[in-house]
Amino acid sequence: MVVEVTRLLLGVLIAVFHRPLATKIMEQERTLDMFFRQRGFRFPAPPSDSTAQNLYFFIGIFICLFEAGKIWLTMNY
């Protein structure tokens, strides 16, 4: 039960801090993209900041809902 509650809290933290989390990861993504482009590799462009923010928000909400469902099922069955 401790693992499920921890995962639930992790999902809440991801959903609450989705903007700074996405901004930090996208900075690293753009740096890595520049590194590879300078060496001649062509990959698709990284997503925009707003797309990454939406993605991290939905991931956080999905984790919350999934773990809340697991906790509910564990307690009721």
Protein backbone atom coordinates (compact mmCIF):
# COMPACT_ATOMS: atom_id res chain seq x y z
CA MET A 1 0.00 0.00 0.00
CA VAL A 2 2.93 2.33 0.67
CA VAL A 3 4.14 1.90 -2.93
CA GLU A 4 0.73 2.83 -4.34
CA VAL A 5 0.44 5.94 -2.16
CA THR A 6 3.98 6.96 -3.13
CA ARG A 7 3.12 6.58 -6.82
CA LEU A 8 -0.06 8.58 -6.27
CA LEU A 9 1.94 11.39 -4.68
CA LEU A 10 4.47 11.23 -7.51
CA GLY A 11 1.62 11.68 -10.00
CA VAL A 12 0.32 14.65 -8.02
CA LEU A 13 3.79 16.22 -7.97
CA ILE A 14 4.18 15.74 -11.73
CA ALA A 15 0.76 17.30 -12.35
CA VAL A 16 1.42 20.24 -10.01
CA PHE A 17 4.93 20.98 -11.26
CA HIS A 18 4.39 20.10 -14.92
CA ARG A 19 5.46 23.52 -16.23
CA PRO A 20 8.89 23.81 -14.57
CA LEU A 21 9.52 20.11 -15.16
CA ALA A 22 8.71 20.39 -18.87
CA THR A 23 10.75 23.58 -19.23
CA LYS A 24 13.84 22.00 -17.64
CA ILE A 25 13.59 18.81 -19.69
CA MET A 26 12.99 20.72 -22.93
CA GLU A 27 16.13 22.81 -22.29
CA GLN A 28 18.10 19.58 -22.06
CA GLU A 29 16.32 18.21 -25.13
CA ARG A 30 17.23 21.26 -27.21
CA THR A 31 20.85 21.06 -26.04
CA LEU A 32 21.01 17.41 -27.04
CA ASP A 33 19.34 18.21 -30.36
CA MET A 34 21.92 20.91 -31.08
CA PHE A 35 24.73 18.50 -30.16
CA PHE A 36 23.54 15.92 -32.67
CA ARG A 37 22.75 18.45 -35.41
CA GLN A 38 26.29 19.85 -35.19
CA ARG A 39 27.58 16.35 -35.85
CA GLY A 40 25.39 15.85 -38.92
CA PHE A 41 22.52 13.81 -37.48
CA ARG A 42 19.03 14.97 -38.40
CA PHE A 43 16.24 14.06 -36.03
CA PRO A 44 12.73 15.51 -35.83
CA ALA A 45 12.54 18.82 -34.00
CA PRO A 46 11.74 18.62 -30.28
CA PRO A 47 8.16 19.49 -29.31
CA SER A 48 7.28 23.00 -28.22
CA ASP A 49 7.20 23.97 -24.55
CA SER A 50 3.40 24.06 -24.46
CA THR A 51 3.17 20.57 -25.98
CA ALA A 52 5.64 19.23 -23.42
CA GLN A 53 3.76 20.94 -20.58
CA ASN A 54 0.47 19.39 -21.70
CA LEU A 55 2.13 15.99 -22.05
CA TYR A 56 3.60 16.07 -18.54
CA PHE A 57 0.30 17.27 -17.08
CA PHE A 58 -1.59 14.37 -18.69
CA ILE A 59 1.07 11.89 -17.58
CA GLY A 60 0.74 13.15 -13.99
CA ILE A 61 -3.06 12.96 -14.08
CA PHE A 62 -2.94 9.48 -15.64
CA ILE A 63 -0.63 8.24 -12.87
CA CYS A 64 -2.94 9.75 -10.23
CA LEU A 65 -6.07 8.16 -11.68
CA PHE A 66 -4.41 4.78 -12.23
CA GLU A 67 -3.00 4.59 -8.72
CA ALA A 68 -6.21 5.90 -7.12
CA GLY A 69 -8.07 3.14 -8.96
CA LYS A 70 -5.59 0.53 -7.75
CA ILE A 71 -5.91 1.76 -4.16
CA TRP A 72 -9.70 1.75 -4.39
CA LEU A 73 -9.77 -1.77 -5.84
CA THR A 74 -7.35 -3.02 -3.19
CA MET A 75 -9.46 -1.57 -0.37
CA ASN A 76 -12.82 -2.76 -1.73
CA TYR A 77 -12.00 -6.25 -2.98
